[in-house]
PDB file of N, CA and C in Angstrom:
ATOM      1  N   UNK A   1       8.574 -15.148  62.669  1.00  0.00           N
ATOM      2  CA  UNK A   1       9.753 -15.579  63.470  1.00  0.00           C
ATOM      3  C   UNK A   1      10.920 -15.880  62.615  1.00  0.00           C
ATOM      4  N   UNK A   2      11.994 -15.550  62.953  1.00  0.00           N
ATOM      5  CA  UNK A   2      13.266 -15.955  62.147  1.00  0.00           C
ATOM      6  C   UNK A   2      13.519 -17.376  62.418  1.00  0.00           C
ATOM      7  N   UNK A   3      14.006 -18.153  61.371  1.00  0.00           N
ATOM      8  CA  UNK A   3      14.427 -19.497  61.555  1.00  0.00           C
ATOM      9  C   UNK A   3      15.754 -19.712  60.827  1.00  0.00           C
ATOM     10  N   UNK A   4      16.401 -20.745  61.250  1.00  0.00           N
ATOM     11  CA  UNK A   4      17.675 -21.084  60.520  1.00  0.00           C
ATOM     12  C   UNK A   4      17.344 -21.928  59.293  1.00  0.00           C
ATOM     13  N   UNK A   5      17.859 -21.593  58.240  1.00  0.00           N
ATOM     14  CA  UNK A   5      17.736 -22.276  56.982  1.00  0.00           C
ATOM     15  C   UNK A   5      18.892 -23.173  56.461  1.00  0.00           C
ATOM     16  N   UNK A   6      20.147 -22.667  56.984  1.00  0.00           N
ATOM     17  CA  UNK A   6      21.325 -23.477  56.626  1.00  0.00           C
ATOM     18  C   UNK A   6      22.390 -23.343  57.769  1.00  0.00           C
ATOM     19  N   UNK A   7      23.190 -24.273  58.014  1.00  0.00           N
ATOM     20  CA  UNK A   7      24.228 -24.257  59.028  1.00  0.00           C
ATOM     21  C   UNK A   7      25.425 -24.801  58.517  1.00  0.00           C
ATOM     22  N   UNK A   8      26.598 -24.302  58.989  1.00  0.00           N
ATOM     23  CA  UNK A   8      27.914 -24.694  58.662  1.00  0.00           C
ATOM     24  C   UNK A   8      28.699 -24.694  59.968  1.00  0.00           C
ATOM     25  N   UNK A   9      29.390 -25.838  60.225  1.00  0.00           N
ATOM     26  CA  UNK A   9      30.241 -25.792  61.488  1.00  0.00           C
ATOM     27  C   UNK A   9      31.569 -25.299  61.074  1.00  0.00           C
ATOM     28  N   UNK A  10      31.973 -24.351  61.995  1.00  0.00           N
ATOM     29  CA  UNK A  10      33.294 -23.708  61.640  1.00  0.00           C
ATOM     30  C   UNK A  10      34.320 -24.201  62.829  1.00  0.00           C
ATOM     31  N   UNK A  11      35.529 -23.501  62.879  1.00  0.00           N
ATOM     32  CA  UNK A  11      36.424 -23.974  63.945  1.00  0.00           C
ATOM     33  C   UNK A  11      35.860 -23.665  65.350  1.00  0.00           C
ATOM     34  N   UNK A  12      36.420 -24.439  66.289  1.00  0.00           N
ATOM     35  CA  UNK A  12      35.985 -24.302  67.654  1.00  0.00           C
ATOM     36  C   UNK A  12      34.557 -24.686  67.697  1.00  0.00           C
ATOM     37  N   UNK A  13      33.832 -23.927  68.407  1.00  0.00           N
ATOM     38  CA  UNK A  13      32.259 -24.252  68.522  1.00  0.00           C
ATOM     39  C   UNK A  13      31.463 -23.115  67.841  1.00  0.00           C
ATOM     40  N   UNK A  14      32.046 -22.578  66.676  1.00  0.00           N
ATOM     41  CA  UNK A  14      31.312 -21.676  65.870  1.00  0.00           C
ATOM     42  C   UNK A  14      30.447 -22.220  64.857  1.00  0.00           C
ATOM     43  N   UNK A  15      29.269 -21.657  64.708  1.00  0.00           N
ATOM     44  CA  UNK A  15      28.343 -22.013  63.624  1.00  0.00           C
ATOM     45  C   UNK A  15      28.086 -20.822  62.665  1.00  0.00           C
ATOM     46  N   UNK A  16      28.072 -21.015  61.370  1.00  0.00           N
ATOM     47  CA  UNK A  16      27.575 -20.014  60.436  1.00  0.00           C
ATOM     48  C   UNK A  16      26.170 -20.348  60.037  1.00  0.00           C
ATOM     49  N   UNK A  17      25.232 -19.431  60.504  1.00  0.00           N
ATOM     50  CA  UNK A  17      23.813 -19.616  60.235  1.00  0.00           C
ATOM     51  C   UNK A  17      23.269 -18.801  59.053  1.00  0.00           C
ATOM     52  N   UNK A  18      22.550 -19.352  58.078  1.00  0.00           N
ATOM     53  CA  UNK A  18      21.729 -18.575  57.269  1.00  0.00           C
ATOM     54  C   UNK A  18      20.395 -18.509  57.698  1.00  0.00           C
ATOM     55  N   UNK A  19      19.857 -17.309  57.898  1.00  0.00           N
ATOM     56  CA  UNK A  19      18.519 -17.205  58.414  1.00  0.00           C
ATOM     57  C   UNK A  19      17.398 -17.044  57.417  1.00  0.00           C
ATOM     58  N   UNK A  20      16.215 -17.111  57.751  1.00  0.00           N
ATOM     59  CA  UNK A  20      15.117 -17.135  56.869  1.00  0.00           C
ATOM     60  C   UNK A  20      14.974 -15.871  56.136  1.00  0.00           C
ATOM     61  N   UNK A  21      15.502 -14.688  56.750  1.00  0.00           N
ATOM     62  CA  UNK A  21      15.334 -13.431  56.036  1.00  0.00           C
ATOM     63  C   UNK A  21      16.788 -13.229  55.148  1.00  0.00           C
ATOM     64  N   UNK A  22      17.558 -14.236  55.026  1.00  0.00           N
ATOM     65  CA  UNK A  22      18.660 -14.189  54.171  1.00  0.00           C
ATOM     66  C   UNK A  22      20.009 -13.719  54.720  1.00  0.00           C
ATOM     67  N   UNK A  23      19.888 -13.266  56.049  1.00  0.00           N
ATOM     68  CA  UNK A  23      21.189 -12.827  56.638  1.00  0.00           C
ATOM     69  C   UNK A  23      21.948 -14.019  57.154  1.00  0.00           C
ATOM     70  N   UNK A  24      23.353 -13.804  57.098  1.00  0.00           N
ATOM     71  CA  UNK A  24      24.127 -14.851  57.544  1.00  0.00           C
ATOM     72  C   UNK A  24      24.922 -14.327  58.755  1.00  0.00           C
ATOM     73  N   UNK A  25      24.894 -14.972  59.839  1.00  0.00           N
ATOM     74  CA  UNK A  25      25.448 -14.708  61.137  1.00  0.00           C
ATOM     75  C   UNK A  25      26.347 -15.819  61.571  1.00  0.00           C
ATOM     76  N   UNK A  26      27.292 -15.506  62.406  1.00  0.00           N
ATOM     77  CA  UNK A  26      28.128 -16.565  63.051  1.00  0.00           C
ATOM     78  C   UNK A  26      28.010 -16.481  64.533  1.00  0.00           C
ATOM     79  N   UNK A  27      28.030 -17.621  65.122  1.00  0.00           N
ATOM     80  CA  UNK A  27      27.773 -17.649  66.667  1.00  0.00           C
ATOM     81  C   UNK A  27      28.733 -18.689  67.241  1.00  0.00           C
ATOM     82  N   UNK A  28      29.340 -18.371  68.383  1.00  0.00           N
ATOM     83  CA  UNK A  28      30.030 -19.196  69.188  1.00  0.00           C
ATOM     84  C   UNK A  28      29.078 -19.822  70.117  1.00  0.00           C
ATOM     85  N   UNK A  29      28.646 -21.185  69.992  1.00  0.00           N
ATOM     86  CA  UNK A  29      27.711 -21.894  70.714  1.00  0.00           C
ATOM     87  C   UNK A  29      28.187 -22.769  71.993  1.00  0.00           C
ATOM     88  N   UNK A  30      29.602 -22.563  72.208  1.00  0.00           N
ATOM     89  CA  UNK A  30      30.252 -23.334  73.327  1.00  0.00           C
ATOM     90  C   UNK A  30      29.437 -23.100  74.572  1.00  0.00           C
ATOM     91  N   UNK A  31      28.919 -21.960  74.951  1.00  0.00           N
ATOM     92  CA  UNK A  31      28.188 -21.765  76.234  1.00  0.00           C
ATOM     93  C   UNK A  31      26.838 -22.448  76.246  1.00  0.00           C
ATOM     94  N   UNK A  32      26.247 -22.601  75.013  1.00  0.00           N
ATOM     95  CA  UNK A  32      24.818 -23.134  74.906  1.00  0.00           C
ATOM     96  C   UNK A  32      25.032 -24.655  74.920  1.00  0.00           C
ATOM     97  N   UNK A  33      26.141 -25.278  74.720  1.00  0.00           N
ATOM     98  CA  UNK A  33      26.263 -26.850  74.700  1.00  0.00           C
ATOM     99  C   UNK A  33      26.552 -27.317  76.036  1.00  0.00           C
ATOM    100  N   UNK A  34      25.717 -26.906  77.081  1.00  0.00           N
ATOM    101  CA  UNK A  34      25.801 -27.253  78.462  1.00  0.00           C
ATOM    102  C   UNK A  34      24.975 -28.410  78.720  1.00  0.00           C
ATOM    103  N   UNK A  35      25.400 -29.260  79.781  1.00  0.00           N
ATOM    104  CA  UNK A  35      24.624 -30.409  80.189  1.00  0.00           C
ATOM    105  C   UNK A  35      24.809 -31.675  79.549  1.00  0.00           C
ATOM    106  N   UNK A  36      24.542 -32.785  80.180  1.00  0.00           N
ATOM    107  CA  UNK A  36      24.671 -34.082  79.709  1.00  0.00           C
ATOM    108  C   UNK A  36      24.239 -34.361  78.338  1.00  0.00           C
ATOM    109  N   UNK A  37      23.140 -33.823  77.840  1.00  0.00           N
ATOM    110  CA  UNK A  37      22.557 -34.058  76.558  1.00  0.00           C
ATOM    111  C   UNK A  37      23.452 -33.555  75.451  1.00  0.00           C
ATOM    112  N   UNK A  38      24.273 -32.571  75.672  1.00  0.00           N
ATOM    113  CA  UNK A  38      25.271 -32.103  74.671  1.00  0.00           C
ATOM    114  C   UNK A  38      26.723 -32.627  74.787  1.00  0.00           C
ATOM    115  N   UNK A  39      26.827 -33.631  75.679  1.00  0.00           N
ATOM    116  CA  UNK A  39      28.092 -34.281  75.884  1.00  0.00           C
ATOM    117  C   UNK A  39      28.762 -34.803  74.669  1.00  0.00           C
ATOM    118  N   UNK A  40      28.016 -35.577  73.936  1.00  0.00           N
ATOM    119  CA  UNK A  40      28.519 -36.109  72.522  1.00  0.00           C
ATOM    120  C   UNK A  40      28.903 -35.153  71.493  1.00  0.00           C
ATOM    121  N   UNK A  41      28.205 -33.965  71.529  1.00  0.00           N
ATOM    122  CA  UNK A  41      28.445 -32.875  70.588  1.00  0.00           C
ATOM    123  C   UNK A  41      29.725 -32.146  71.020  1.00  0.00           C
ATOM    124  N   UNK A  42      29.917 -31.876  72.193  1.00  0.00           N
ATOM    125  CA  UNK A  42      31.180 -31.287  72.784  1.00  0.00           C
ATOM    126  C   UNK A  42      32.391 -32.143  72.711  1.00  0.00           C
ATOM    127  N   UNK A  43      32.120 -33.472  72.893  1.00  0.00           N
ATOM    128  CA  UNK A  43      33.416 -34.357  72.995  1.00  0.00           C
ATOM    129  C   UNK A  43      33.748 -34.941  71.692  1.00  0.00           C
ATOM    130  N   UNK A  44      33.054 -35.007  70.688  1.00  0.00           N
ATOM    131  CA  UNK A  44      33.336 -35.480  69.373  1.00  0.00           C
ATOM    132  C   UNK A  44      33.163 -34.498  68.263  1.00  0.00           C
ATOM    133  N   UNK A  45      34.303 -34.130  67.758  1.00  0.00           N
ATOM    134  CA  UNK A  45      34.236 -33.093  66.671  1.00  0.00           C
ATOM    135  C   UNK A  45      33.431 -33.515  65.414  1.00  0.00           C
ATOM    136  N   UNK A  46      33.457 -34.722  65.117  1.00  0.00           N
ATOM    137  CA  UNK A  46      32.673 -35.252  63.937  1.00  0.00           C
ATOM    138  C   UNK A  46      31.188 -34.992  64.231  1.00  0.00           C
ATOM    139  N   UNK A  47      30.676 -35.186  65.512  1.00  0.00           N
ATOM    140  CA  UNK A  47      29.347 -34.909  65.771  1.00  0.00           C
ATOM    141  C   UNK A  47      28.963 -33.529  65.646  1.00  0.00           C
ATOM    142  N   UNK A  48      29.777 -32.604  66.201  1.00  0.00           N
ATOM    143  CA  UNK A  48      29.615 -31.196  66.097  1.00  0.00           C
ATOM    144  C   UNK A  48      29.489 -30.749  64.615  1.00  0.00           C
ATOM    145  N   UNK A  49      30.419 -31.340  63.781  1.00  0.00           N
ATOM    146  CA  UNK A  49      30.402 -30.933  62.394  1.00  0.00           C
ATOM    147  C   UNK A  49      29.288 -31.525  61.567  1.00  0.00           C
ATOM    148  N   UNK A  50      28.562 -32.465  62.162  1.00  0.00           N
ATOM    149  CA  UNK A  50      27.313 -33.016  61.548  1.00  0.00           C
ATOM    150  C   UNK A  50      26.074 -32.214  61.792  1.00  0.00           C
ATOM    151  N   UNK A  51      26.158 -30.976  62.224  1.00  0.00           N
ATOM    152  CA  UNK A  51      25.059 -30.150  62.434  1.00  0.00           C
ATOM    153  C   UNK A  51      24.180 -30.076  61.253  1.00  0.00           C
ATOM    154  N   UNK A  52      22.860 -30.007  61.418  1.00  0.00           N
ATOM    155  CA  UNK A  52      22.077 -29.961  60.273  1.00  0.00           C
ATOM    156  C   UNK A  52      20.690 -29.142  60.799  1.00  0.00           C
ATOM    157  N   UNK A  53      19.951 -28.594  59.804  1.00  0.00           N
ATOM    158  CA  UNK A  53      18.861 -27.854  59.995  1.00  0.00           C
ATOM    159  C   UNK A  53      17.559 -28.769  60.211  1.00  0.00           C
ATOM    160  N   UNK A  54      16.873 -28.631  61.287  1.00  0.00           N
ATOM    161  CA  UNK A  54      15.628 -29.392  61.413  1.00  0.00           C
ATOM    162  C   UNK A  54      14.506 -28.432  61.933  1.00  0.00           C
ATOM    163  N   UNK A  55      13.521 -28.174  61.122  1.00  0.00           N
ATOM    164  CA  UNK A  55      12.418 -27.390  61.422  1.00  0.00           C
ATOM    165  C   UNK A  55      12.825 -26.031  61.936  1.00  0.00           C
ATOM    166  N   UNK A  56      13.719 -25.417  61.202  1.00  0.00           N
ATOM    167  CA  UNK A  56      14.124 -24.018  61.636  1.00  0.00           C
ATOM    168  C   UNK A  56      15.126 -23.976  62.851  1.00  0.00           C
ATOM    169  N   UNK A  57      15.608 -25.095  63.274  1.00  0.00           N
ATOM    170  CA  UNK A  57      16.577 -25.179  64.462  1.00  0.00           C
ATOM    171  C   UNK A  57      17.783 -25.882  63.944  1.00  0.00           C
ATOM    172  N   UNK A  58      18.936 -25.742  64.717  1.00  0.00           N
ATOM    173  CA  UNK A  58      20.091 -26.444  64.428  1.00  0.00           C
ATOM    174  C   UNK A  58      19.977 -27.822  65.322  1.00  0.00           C
ATOM    175  N   UNK A  59      20.265 -28.943  64.706  1.00  0.00           N
ATOM    176  CA  UNK A  59      20.263 -30.163  65.268  1.00  0.00           C
ATOM    177  C   UNK A  59      21.586 -30.913  65.048  1.00  0.00           C
ATOM    178  N   UNK A  60      21.659 -31.954  65.856  1.00  0.00           N
ATOM    179  CA  UNK A  60      22.841 -32.945  65.744  1.00  0.00           C
ATOM    180  C   UNK A  60      22.242 -34.366  65.862  1.00  0.00           C
ATOM    181  N   UNK A  61      22.927 -35.334  65.267  1.00  0.00           N
ATOM    182  CA  UNK A  61      22.590 -36.749  65.528  1.00  0.00           C
ATOM    183  C   UNK A  61      22.410 -37.043  67.003  1.00  0.00           C
ATOM    184  N   UNK A  62      21.416 -37.815  67.264  1.00  0.00           N
ATOM    185  CA  UNK A  62      21.191 -38.149  68.620  1.00  0.00           C
ATOM    186  C   UNK A  62      19.966 -37.360  69.244  1.00  0.00           C
ATOM    187  N   UNK A  63      19.236 -36.712  68.324  1.00  0.00           N
ATOM    188  CA  UNK A  63      18.009 -35.896  68.782  1.00  0.00           C
ATOM    189  C   UNK A  63      18.401 -34.856  69.700  1.00  0.00           C
ATOM    190  N   UNK A  64      19.334 -33.964  69.385  1.00  0.00           N
ATOM    191  CA  UNK A  64      19.857 -32.791  70.115  1.00  0.00           C
ATOM    192  C   UNK A  64      19.753 -31.648  69.268  1.00  0.00           C
ATOM    193  N   UNK A  65      19.032 -30.660  69.944  1.00  0.00           N
ATOM    194  CA  UNK A  65      19.024 -29.399  69.068  1.00  0.00           C
ATOM    195  C   UNK A  65      19.057 -28.268  69.921  1.00  0.00           C
ATOM    196  N   UNK A  66      19.217 -26.920  69.333  1.00  0.00           N
ATOM    197  CA  UNK A  66      19.171 -25.658  69.941  1.00  0.00           C
ATOM    198  C   UNK A  66      18.149 -24.941  69.109  1.00  0.00           C
ATOM    199  N   UNK A  67      17.182 -24.250  69.949  1.00  0.00           N
ATOM    200  CA  UNK A  67      16.152 -23.437  69.231  1.00  0.00           C
ATOM    201  C   UNK A  67      16.814 -22.154  68.590  1.00  0.00           C
ATOM    202  N   UNK A  68      16.051 -21.817  67.514  1.00  0.00           N
ATOM    203  CA  UNK A  68      16.463 -20.635  66.776  1.00  0.00           C
ATOM    204  C   UNK A  68      16.710 -19.442  67.669  1.00  0.00           C
ATOM    205  N   UNK A  69      15.777 -19.161  68.471  1.00  0.00           N
ATOM    206  CA  UNK A  69      15.852 -17.929  69.395  1.00  0.00           C
ATOM    207  C   UNK A  69      17.021 -18.018  70.217  1.00  0.00           C
ATOM    208  N   UNK A  70      17.552 -19.194  70.758  1.00  0.00           N
ATOM    209  CA  UNK A  70      18.700 -19.197  71.519  1.00  0.00           C
ATOM    210  C   UNK A  70      19.949 -18.910  70.570  1.00  0.00           C
ATOM    211  N   UNK A  71      19.973 -19.573  69.342  1.00  0.00           N
ATOM    212  CA  UNK A  71      21.097 -19.236  68.384  1.00  0.00           C
ATOM    213  C   UNK A  71      21.084 -17.795  67.849  1.00  0.00           C
ATOM    214  N   UNK A  72      19.941 -17.291  67.517  1.00  0.00           N
ATOM    215  CA  UNK A  72      19.979 -15.923  67.029  1.00  0.00           C
ATOM    216  C   UNK A  72      20.226 -14.719  68.047  1.00  0.00           C
ATOM    217  N   UNK A  73      19.469 -14.892  69.159  1.00  0.00           N
ATOM    218  CA  UNK A  73      19.555 -13.860  70.150  1.00  0.00           C
ATOM    219  C   UNK A  73      20.226 -14.274  71.535  1.00  0.00           C
ATOM    220  N   UNK A  74      19.961 -15.382  71.988  1.00  0.00           N
ATOM    221  CA  UNK A  74      20.515 -15.735  73.308  1.00  0.00           C
ATOM    222  C   UNK A  74      21.968 -15.904  73.288  1.00  0.00           C
ATOM    223  N   UNK A  75      22.564 -16.562  72.337  1.00  0.00           N
ATOM    224  CA  UNK A  75      23.982 -16.890  72.288  1.00  0.00           C
ATOM    225  C   UNK A  75      24.719 -15.517  72.032  1.00  0.00           C
ATOM    226  N   UNK A  76      24.269 -14.721  71.277  1.00  0.00           N
ATOM    227  CA  UNK A  76      25.063 -13.392  71.080  1.00  0.00           C
ATOM    228  C   UNK A  76      25.140 -12.641  72.264  1.00  0.00           C
ATOM    229  N   UNK A  77      24.036 -12.639  73.165  1.00  0.00           N
ATOM    230  CA  UNK A  77      24.029 -11.853  74.303  1.00  0.00           C
ATOM    231  C   UNK A  77      24.985 -12.592  75.355  1.00  0.00           C
ATOM    232  N   UNK A  78      24.944 -13.870  75.324  1.00  0.00           N
ATOM    233  CA  UNK A  78      25.809 -14.511  76.478  1.00  0.00           C
ATOM    234  C   UNK A  78      27.294 -14.548  76.062  1.00  0.00           C
ATOM    235  N   UNK A  79      27.545 -14.391  74.725  1.00  0.00           N
ATOM    236  CA  UNK A  79      29.046 -14.595  74.428  1.00  0.00           C
ATOM    237  C   UNK A  79      29.399 -13.360  73.496  1.00  0.00           C
ATOM    238  N   UNK A  80      29.275 -12.142  73.978  1.00  0.00           N
ATOM    239  CA  UNK A  80      29.407 -10.987  73.091  1.00  0.00           C
ATOM    240  C   UNK A  80      30.980 -10.739  72.914  1.00  0.00           C
ATOM    241  N   UNK A  81      31.817 -11.175  73.609  1.00  0.00           N
ATOM    242  CA  UNK A  81      33.193 -11.009  73.472  1.00  0.00           C
ATOM    243  C   UNK A  81      34.032 -11.888  72.513  1.00  0.00           C
ATOM    244  N   UNK A  82      33.348 -12.953  72.160  1.00  0.00           N
ATOM    245  CA  UNK A  82      33.869 -13.823  71.323  1.00  0.00           C
ATOM    246  C   UNK A  82      34.180 -13.256  69.731  1.00  0.00           C
ATOM    247  N   UNK A  83      35.142 -13.829  69.124  1.00  0.00           N
ATOM    248  CA  UNK A  83      35.317 -13.375  67.721  1.00  0.00           C
ATOM    249  C   UNK A  83      35.449 -14.567  66.846  1.00  0.00           C
ATOM    250  N   UNK A  84      35.033 -14.593  65.589  1.00  0.00           N
ATOM    251  CA  UNK A  84      35.025 -15.682  64.788  1.00  0.00           C
ATOM    252  C   UNK A  84      36.443 -16.081  64.511  1.00  0.00           C
ATOM    253  N   UNK A  85      36.783 -17.405  64.121  1.00  0.00           N
ATOM    254  CA  UNK A  85      38.114 -17.738  63.699  1.00  0.00           C
ATOM    255  C   UNK A  85      38.567 -16.775  62.576  1.00  0.00           C
ATOM    256  N   UNK A  86      39.869 -16.316  62.740  1.00  0.00           N
ATOM    257  CA  UNK A  86      40.354 -15.399  61.687  1.00  0.00           C
ATOM    258  C   UNK A  86      40.200 -15.885  60.296  1.00  0.00           C
ATOM    259  N   UNK A  87      40.423 -17.215  59.913  1.00  0.00           N
ATOM    260  CA  UNK A  87      40.156 -17.571  58.575  1.00  0.00           C
ATOM    261  C   UNK A  87      38.742 -17.601  57.991  1.00  0.00           C
ATOM    262  N   UNK A  88      37.796 -17.471  59.047  1.00  0.00           N
ATOM    263  CA  UNK A  88      36.295 -17.510  58.659  1.00  0.00           C
ATOM    264  C   UNK A  88      35.781 -16.232  58.939  1.00  0.00           C
ATOM    265  N   UNK A  89      36.393 -15.096  59.369  1.00  0.00           N
ATOM    266  CA  UNK A  89      35.786 -13.872  59.732  1.00  0.00           C
ATOM    267  C   UNK A  89      35.070 -13.269  58.659  1.00  0.00           C
ATOM    268  N   UNK A  90      33.762 -12.952  58.918  1.00  0.00           N
ATOM    269  CA  UNK A  90      32.975 -12.108  57.907  1.00  0.00           C
ATOM    270  C   UNK A  90      32.328 -11.014  58.608  1.00  0.00           C
ATOM    271  N   UNK A  91      31.963  -9.993  57.896  1.00  0.00           N
ATOM    272  CA  UNK A  91      31.165  -8.833  58.568  1.00  0.00           C
ATOM    273  C   UNK A  91      30.010  -9.336  59.498  1.00  0.00           C
ATOM    274  N   UNK A  92      29.922  -8.899  60.664  1.00  0.00           N
ATOM    275  CA  UNK A  92      28.712  -9.372  61.405  1.00  0.00           C
ATOM    276  C   UNK A  92      27.520  -8.310  61.056  1.00  0.00           C
ATOM    277  N   UNK A  93      26.246  -8.744  61.074  1.00  0.00           N
ATOM    278  CA  UNK A  93      25.268  -7.838  60.901  1.00  0.00           C
ATOM    279  C   UNK A  93      24.512  -7.584  62.167  1.00  0.00           C
ATOM    280  N   UNK A  94      24.106  -6.411  62.521  1.00  0.00           N
ATOM    281  CA  UNK A  94      23.400  -6.062  63.696  1.00  0.00           C
ATOM    282  C   UNK A  94      21.998  -6.634  63.616  1.00  0.00           C
ATOM    283  N   UNK A  95      21.533  -7.255  64.658  1.00  0.00           N
ATOM    284  CA  UNK A  95      20.188  -7.853  64.751  1.00  0.00           C
ATOM    285  C   UNK A  95      19.306  -6.843  65.335  1.00  0.00           C
TER     286      UNK A  95
END
């Protein structure tokens, strides 16, 4: 199973993810940050930017995380029309 090995917060709610197979992908996670548990991540830019990798998932302070399958496959299907911020645009890889 693919896991997240590294994460970098970009503009908006975009994350650059380095996967366990070496690929780098970018995902807009704004739709995945739903519900009260994600309120601090949505409301405070510093918390969003504090994203880190924990056991193959992306996590934030306060014991909040997104599963790798959501980040790798779920988000891309839910938000296929988004484009990365222009200054951060890199070629996308097909999964």
